[in-house]
Amino acid sequence: VSNVVNVYAVETFFDRLAREAGRDPLAMRRELLKDDPRQLACLEAAAAAAGMDRPAPNGRHRGIALFT
């Protein structure tokens, strides 16, 4: 279990940083993971499973996080 309670804080802060930079949080994570193929593959699999390539239904929001 370790520091899993901190994941929400870290990942939502990352999303805020991306928004402030005018960037898509998923694209920003992809860029930062370009040198880590294992974690990037995990992120890509989660994004595909969540349907991150299409808009969320009206009234819904979609997010993604990666914690190791």
PDB file of N, CA and C in Angstrom:
ATOM      1  N   VAL A   1       0.833  -1.178   0.000  1.00  0.00           N
ATOM      2  CA  VAL A   1       0.000   0.000   0.000  1.00  0.00           C
ATOM      3  C   VAL A   1       0.883   1.249   0.000  1.00  0.00           C
ATOM      4  N   SER A   2       1.926   1.266   0.722  1.00  0.00           N
ATOM      5  CA  SER A   2       2.929   2.336   0.800  1.00  0.00           C
ATOM      6  C   SER A   2       2.338   3.734   0.636  1.00  0.00           C
ATOM      7  N   ASN A   3       2.829   4.459  -0.339  1.00  0.00           N
ATOM      8  CA  ASN A   3       2.407   5.849  -0.499  1.00  0.00           C
ATOM      9  C   ASN A   3       1.298   6.041  -1.531  1.00  0.00           C
ATOM     10  N   VAL A   4       0.494   5.032  -1.720  1.00  0.00           N
ATOM     11  CA  VAL A   4      -0.566   5.101  -2.718  1.00  0.00           C
ATOM     12  C   VAL A   4      -1.570   6.224  -2.414  1.00  0.00           C
ATOM     13  N   VAL A   5      -1.662   6.632  -1.170  1.00  0.00           N
ATOM     14  CA  VAL A   5      -2.591   7.712  -0.820  1.00  0.00           C
ATOM     15  C   VAL A   5      -2.162   9.043  -1.420  1.00  0.00           C
ATOM     16  N   ASN A   6      -0.907   9.157  -1.819  1.00  0.00           N
ATOM     17  CA  ASN A   6      -0.411  10.398  -2.408  1.00  0.00           C
ATOM     18  C   ASN A   6      -0.653  10.487  -3.913  1.00  0.00           C
ATOM     19  N   VAL A   7      -1.010   9.384  -4.526  1.00  0.00           N
ATOM     20  CA  VAL A   7      -1.159   9.340  -5.982  1.00  0.00           C
ATOM     21  C   VAL A   7      -2.185  10.360  -6.468  1.00  0.00           C
ATOM     22  N   TYR A   8      -3.322  10.434  -5.823  1.00  0.00           N
ATOM     23  CA  TYR A   8      -4.357  11.368  -6.249  1.00  0.00           C
ATOM     24  C   TYR A   8      -3.818  12.798  -6.247  1.00  0.00           C
ATOM     25  N   ALA A   9      -3.150  13.182  -5.188  1.00  0.00           N
ATOM     26  CA  ALA A   9      -2.617  14.546  -5.092  1.00  0.00           C
ATOM     27  C   ALA A   9      -1.592  14.817  -6.192  1.00  0.00           C
ATOM     28  N   VAL A  10      -0.675  13.893  -6.394  1.00  0.00           N
ATOM     29  CA  VAL A  10       0.375  14.079  -7.399  1.00  0.00           C
ATOM     30  C   VAL A  10      -0.216  14.134  -8.806  1.00  0.00           C
ATOM     31  N   GLU A  11      -1.096  13.203  -9.123  1.00  0.00           N
ATOM     32  CA  GLU A  11      -1.647  13.133 -10.479  1.00  0.00           C
ATOM     33  C   GLU A  11      -2.597  14.284 -10.792  1.00  0.00           C
ATOM     34  N   THR A  12      -3.387  14.723  -9.828  1.00  0.00           N
ATOM     35  CA  THR A  12      -4.257  15.873 -10.093  1.00  0.00           C
ATOM     36  C   THR A  12      -3.430  17.147 -10.220  1.00  0.00           C
ATOM     37  N   PHE A  13      -2.333  17.239  -9.468  1.00  0.00           N
ATOM     38  CA  PHE A  13      -1.439  18.385  -9.624  1.00  0.00           C
ATOM     39  C   PHE A  13      -0.820  18.380 -11.017  1.00  0.00           C
ATOM     40  N   PHE A  14      -0.435  17.204 -11.494  1.00  0.00           N
ATOM     41  CA  PHE A  14       0.104  17.084 -12.846  1.00  0.00           C
ATOM     42  C   PHE A  14      -0.918  17.567 -13.873  1.00  0.00           C
ATOM     43  N   ASP A  15      -2.181  17.174 -13.693  1.00  0.00           N
ATOM     44  CA  ASP A  15      -3.236  17.609 -14.606  1.00  0.00           C
ATOM     45  C   ASP A  15      -3.379  19.132 -14.590  1.00  0.00           C
ATOM     46  N   ARG A  16      -3.270  19.728 -13.418  1.00  0.00           N
ATOM     47  CA  ARG A  16      -3.347  21.197 -13.316  1.00  0.00           C
ATOM     48  C   ARG A  16      -2.172  21.855 -14.031  1.00  0.00           C
ATOM     49  N   LEU A  17      -0.987  21.283 -13.872  1.00  0.00           N
ATOM     50  CA  LEU A  17       0.173  21.822 -14.580  1.00  0.00           C
ATOM     51  C   LEU A  17      -0.027  21.754 -16.089  1.00  0.00           C
ATOM     52  N   ALA A  18      -0.541  20.640 -16.563  1.00  0.00           N
ATOM     53  CA  ALA A  18      -0.792  20.488 -17.997  1.00  0.00           C
ATOM     54  C   ALA A  18      -1.807  21.522 -18.469  1.00  0.00           C
ATOM     55  N   ARG A  19      -2.880  21.696 -17.705  1.00  0.00           N
ATOM     56  CA  ARG A  19      -3.898  22.668 -18.091  1.00  0.00           C
ATOM     57  C   ARG A  19      -3.317  24.084 -18.129  1.00  0.00           C
ATOM     58  N   GLU A  20      -2.519  24.435 -17.124  1.00  0.00           N
ATOM     59  CA  GLU A  20      -1.895  25.764 -17.091  1.00  0.00           C
ATOM     60  C   GLU A  20      -0.955  25.973 -18.276  1.00  0.00           C
ATOM     61  N   ALA A  21      -0.325  24.893 -18.727  1.00  0.00           N
ATOM     62  CA  ALA A  21       0.575  24.972 -19.878  1.00  0.00           C
ATOM     63  C   ALA A  21      -0.175  24.888 -21.199  1.00  0.00           C
ATOM     64  N   GLY A  22      -1.503  24.701 -21.133  1.00  0.00           N
ATOM     65  CA  GLY A  22      -2.298  24.576 -22.354  1.00  0.00           C
ATOM     66  C   GLY A  22      -2.073  23.255 -23.057  1.00  0.00           C
ATOM     67  N   ARG A  23      -1.708  22.234 -22.304  1.00  0.00           N
ATOM     68  CA  ARG A  23      -1.393  20.933 -22.872  1.00  0.00           C
ATOM     69  C   ARG A  23      -2.420  19.895 -22.471  1.00  0.00           C
ATOM     70  N   ASP A  24      -2.545  18.874 -23.283  1.00  0.00           N
ATOM     71  CA  ASP A  24      -3.369  17.711 -22.956  1.00  0.00           C
ATOM     72  C   ASP A  24      -2.594  16.861 -21.959  1.00  0.00           C
ATOM     73  N   PRO A  25      -3.189  16.524 -20.809  1.00  0.00           N
ATOM     74  CA  PRO A  25      -2.457  15.749 -19.805  1.00  0.00           C
ATOM     75  C   PRO A  25      -1.935  14.406 -20.312  1.00  0.00           C
ATOM     76  N   LEU A  26      -2.701  13.734 -21.154  1.00  0.00           N
ATOM     77  CA  LEU A  26      -2.246  12.450 -21.691  1.00  0.00           C
ATOM     78  C   LEU A  26      -1.047  12.651 -22.617  1.00  0.00           C
ATOM     79  N   ALA A  27      -1.119  13.649 -23.480  1.00  0.00           N
ATOM     80  CA  ALA A  27      -0.004  13.928 -24.394  1.00  0.00           C
ATOM     81  C   ALA A  27       1.251  14.312 -23.613  1.00  0.00           C
ATOM     82  N   MET A  28       1.066  15.052 -22.542  1.00  0.00           N
ATOM     83  CA  MET A  28       2.206  15.459 -21.724  1.00  0.00           C
ATOM     84  C   MET A  28       2.834  14.247 -21.031  1.00  0.00           C
ATOM     85  N   ARG A  29       2.005  13.355 -20.538  1.00  0.00           N
ATOM     86  CA  ARG A  29       2.529  12.129 -19.919  1.00  0.00           C
ATOM     87  C   ARG A  29       3.271  11.290 -20.952  1.00  0.00           C
ATOM     88  N   ARG A  30       2.709  11.191 -22.155  1.00  0.00           N
ATOM     89  CA  ARG A  30       3.372  10.420 -23.219  1.00  0.00           C
ATOM     90  C   ARG A  30       4.759  10.984 -23.505  1.00  0.00           C
ATOM     91  N   GLU A  31       4.830  12.295 -23.591  1.00  0.00           N
ATOM     92  CA  GLU A  31       6.111  12.940 -23.880  1.00  0.00           C
ATOM     93  C   GLU A  31       7.137  12.655 -22.774  1.00  0.00           C
ATOM     94  N   LEU A  32       6.697  12.737 -21.539  1.00  0.00           N
ATOM     95  CA  LEU A  32       7.614  12.511 -20.419  1.00  0.00           C
ATOM     96  C   LEU A  32       8.044  11.048 -20.288  1.00  0.00           C
ATOM     97  N   LEU A  33       7.252  10.141 -20.839  1.00  0.00           N
ATOM     98  CA  LEU A  33       7.564   8.714 -20.746  1.00  0.00           C
ATOM     99  C   LEU A  33       8.217   8.158 -22.004  1.00  0.00           C
ATOM    100  N   LYS A  34       8.586   9.017 -22.946  1.00  0.00           N
ATOM    101  CA  LYS A  34       9.116   8.531 -24.224  1.00  0.00           C
ATOM    102  C   LYS A  34      10.368   7.670 -24.071  1.00  0.00           C
ATOM    103  N   ASP A  35      11.116   7.852 -22.984  1.00  0.00           N
ATOM    104  CA  ASP A  35      12.325   7.055 -22.769  1.00  0.00           C
ATOM    105  C   ASP A  35      12.097   5.857 -21.841  1.00  0.00           C
ATOM    106  N   ASP A  36      10.845   5.591 -21.514  1.00  0.00           N
ATOM    107  CA  ASP A  36      10.514   4.458 -20.643  1.00  0.00           C
ATOM    108  C   ASP A  36       9.434   3.625 -21.335  1.00  0.00           C
ATOM    109  N   PRO A  37       9.837   2.752 -22.255  1.00  0.00           N
ATOM    110  CA  PRO A  37       8.857   2.023 -23.074  1.00  0.00           C
ATOM    111  C   PRO A  37       7.881   1.170 -22.264  1.00  0.00           C
ATOM    112  N   ARG A  38       8.330   0.638 -21.157  1.00  0.00           N
ATOM    113  CA  ARG A  38       7.439  -0.208 -20.342  1.00  0.00           C
ATOM    114  C   ARG A  38       6.293   0.609 -19.741  1.00  0.00           C
ATOM    115  N   GLN A  39       6.617   1.735 -19.133  1.00  0.00           N
ATOM    116  CA  GLN A  39       5.565   2.569 -18.557  1.00  0.00           C
ATOM    117  C   GLN A  39       4.709   3.212 -19.640  1.00  0.00           C
ATOM    118  N   LEU A  40       5.325   3.590 -20.748  1.00  0.00           N
ATOM    119  CA  LEU A  40       4.561   4.169 -21.851  1.00  0.00           C
ATOM    120  C   LEU A  40       3.567   3.148 -22.400  1.00  0.00           C
ATOM    121  N   ALA A  41       3.979   1.896 -22.526  1.00  0.00           N
ATOM    122  CA  ALA A  41       3.075   0.844 -23.003  1.00  0.00           C
ATOM    123  C   ALA A  41       1.901   0.672 -22.039  1.00  0.00           C
ATOM    124  N   CYS A  42       2.169   0.744 -20.764  1.00  0.00           N
ATOM    125  CA  CYS A  42       1.111   0.634 -19.755  1.00  0.00           C
ATOM    126  C   CYS A  42       0.135   1.801 -19.887  1.00  0.00           C
ATOM    127  N   LEU A  43       0.675   3.007 -20.026  1.00  0.00           N
ATOM    128  CA  LEU A  43      -0.162   4.190 -20.202  1.00  0.00           C
ATOM    129  C   LEU A  43      -1.009   4.067 -21.462  1.00  0.00           C
ATOM    130  N   GLU A  44      -0.404   3.625 -22.553  1.00  0.00           N
ATOM    131  CA  GLU A  44      -1.127   3.473 -23.821  1.00  0.00           C
ATOM    132  C   GLU A  44      -2.237   2.432 -23.703  1.00  0.00           C
ATOM    133  N   ALA A  45      -1.967   1.332 -23.011  1.00  0.00           N
ATOM    134  CA  ALA A  45      -2.984   0.289 -22.830  1.00  0.00           C
ATOM    135  C   ALA A  45      -4.161   0.821 -22.019  1.00  0.00           C
ATOM    136  N   ALA A  46      -3.866   1.572 -20.965  1.00  0.00           N
ATOM    137  CA  ALA A  46      -4.931   2.157 -20.142  1.00  0.00           C
ATOM    138  C   ALA A  46      -5.730   3.179 -20.932  1.00  0.00           C
ATOM    139  N   ALA A  47      -5.036   3.994 -21.722  1.00  0.00           N
ATOM    140  CA  ALA A  47      -5.716   5.006 -22.535  1.00  0.00           C
ATOM    141  C   ALA A  47      -6.633   4.350 -23.566  1.00  0.00           C
ATOM    142  N   ALA A  48      -6.169   3.281 -24.186  1.00  0.00           N
ATOM    143  CA  ALA A  48      -6.984   2.576 -25.176  1.00  0.00           C
ATOM    144  C   ALA A  48      -8.201   1.936 -24.514  1.00  0.00           C
ATOM    145  N   ALA A  49      -7.997   1.312 -23.368  1.00  0.00           N
ATOM    146  CA  ALA A  49      -9.101   0.658 -22.667  1.00  0.00           C
ATOM    147  C   ALA A  49     -10.146   1.656 -22.193  1.00  0.00           C
ATOM    148  N   ALA A  50      -9.703   2.861 -21.854  1.00  0.00           N
ATOM    149  CA  ALA A  50     -10.623   3.897 -21.367  1.00  0.00           C
ATOM    150  C   ALA A  50     -11.262   4.694 -22.495  1.00  0.00           C
ATOM    151  N   GLY A  51     -10.818   4.458 -23.721  1.00  0.00           N
ATOM    152  CA  GLY A  51     -11.373   5.200 -24.844  1.00  0.00           C
ATOM    153  C   GLY A  51     -10.958   6.659 -24.847  1.00  0.00           C
ATOM    154  N   MET A  52      -9.731   6.934 -24.449  1.00  0.00           N
ATOM    155  CA  MET A  52      -9.250   8.312 -24.353  1.00  0.00           C
ATOM    156  C   MET A  52      -9.127   8.991 -25.716  1.00  0.00           C
ATOM    157  N   ASP A  53      -9.241   8.232 -26.797  1.00  0.00           N
ATOM    158  CA  ASP A  53      -9.124   8.808 -28.134  1.00  0.00           C
ATOM    159  C   ASP A  53     -10.427   9.423 -28.621  1.00  0.00           C
ATOM    160  N   ARG A  54     -11.498   9.279 -27.848  1.00  0.00           N
ATOM    161  CA  ARG A  54     -12.774   9.891 -28.245  1.00  0.00           C
ATOM    162  C   ARG A  54     -13.294  10.732 -27.084  1.00  0.00           C
ATOM    163  N   PRO A  55     -14.118  11.722 -27.388  1.00  0.00           N
ATOM    164  CA  PRO A  55     -14.630  12.611 -26.341  1.00  0.00           C
ATOM    165  C   PRO A  55     -15.468  11.863 -25.311  1.00  0.00           C
ATOM    166  N   ALA A  56     -15.429  12.361 -24.105  1.00  0.00           N
ATOM    167  CA  ALA A  56     -16.265  11.789 -23.043  1.00  0.00           C
ATOM    168  C   ALA A  56     -17.719  12.150 -23.323  1.00  0.00           C
ATOM    169  N   PRO A  57     -18.652  11.302 -22.905  1.00  0.00           N
ATOM    170  CA  PRO A  57     -20.067  11.625 -23.087  1.00  0.00           C
ATOM    171  C   PRO A  57     -20.425  12.937 -22.369  1.00  0.00           C
ATOM    172  N   ASN A  58     -21.466  13.590 -22.833  1.00  0.00           N
ATOM    173  CA  ASN A  58     -21.891  14.853 -22.213  1.00  0.00           C
ATOM    174  C   ASN A  58     -22.064  14.703 -20.714  1.00  0.00           C
ATOM    175  N   GLY A  59     -21.561  15.671 -19.988  1.00  0.00           N
ATOM    176  CA  GLY A  59     -21.688  15.662 -18.543  1.00  0.00           C
ATOM    177  C   GLY A  59     -20.689  14.776 -17.838  1.00  0.00           C
ATOM    178  N   ARG A  60     -19.785  14.168 -18.584  1.00  0.00           N
ATOM    179  CA  ARG A  60     -18.788  13.267 -17.994  1.00  0.00           C
ATOM    180  C   ARG A  60     -17.390  13.822 -18.295  1.00  0.00           C
ATOM    181  N   HIS A  61     -16.473  13.435 -17.456  1.00  0.00           N
ATOM    182  CA  HIS A  61     -15.072  13.785 -17.662  1.00  0.00           C
ATOM    183  C   HIS A  61     -14.248  12.509 -17.556  1.00  0.00           C
ATOM    184  N   ARG A  62     -13.143  12.501 -18.224  1.00  0.00           N
ATOM    185  CA  ARG A  62     -12.299  11.317 -18.244  1.00  0.00           C
ATOM    186  C   ARG A  62     -10.879  11.736 -17.868  1.00  0.00           C
ATOM    187  N   GLY A  63     -10.226  10.918 -17.073  1.00  0.00           N
ATOM    188  CA  GLY A  63      -8.849  11.200 -16.691  1.00  0.00           C
ATOM    189  C   GLY A  63      -8.022   9.933 -16.699  1.00  0.00           C
ATOM    190  N   ILE A  64      -6.723  10.136 -16.613  1.00  0.00           N
ATOM    191  CA  ILE A  64      -5.811   8.989 -16.611  1.00  0.00           C
ATOM    192  C   ILE A  64      -4.630   9.328 -15.712  1.00  0.00           C
ATOM    193  N   ALA A  65      -4.091   8.335 -15.068  1.00  0.00           N
ATOM    194  CA  ALA A  65      -2.943   8.520 -14.187  1.00  0.00           C
ATOM    195  C   ALA A  65      -2.046   7.303 -14.296  1.00  0.00           C
ATOM    196  N   LEU A  66      -0.799   7.485 -13.926  1.00  0.00           N
ATOM    197  CA  LEU A  66       0.166   6.386 -13.940  1.00  0.00           C
ATOM    198  C   LEU A  66       0.987   6.473 -12.676  1.00  0.00           C
ATOM    199  N   PHE A  67       1.016   5.405 -11.930  1.00  0.00           N
ATOM    200  CA  PHE A  67       1.786   5.363 -10.687  1.00  0.00           C
ATOM    201  C   PHE A  67       2.529   4.051 -10.608  1.00  0.00           C
ATOM    202  N   THR A  68       3.808   4.132 -10.325  1.00  0.00           N
ATOM    203  CA  THR A  68       4.612   2.923 -10.181  1.00  0.00           C
ATOM    204  C   THR A  68       5.252   2.853  -8.830  1.00  0.00           C
TER     205      THR A  68
END
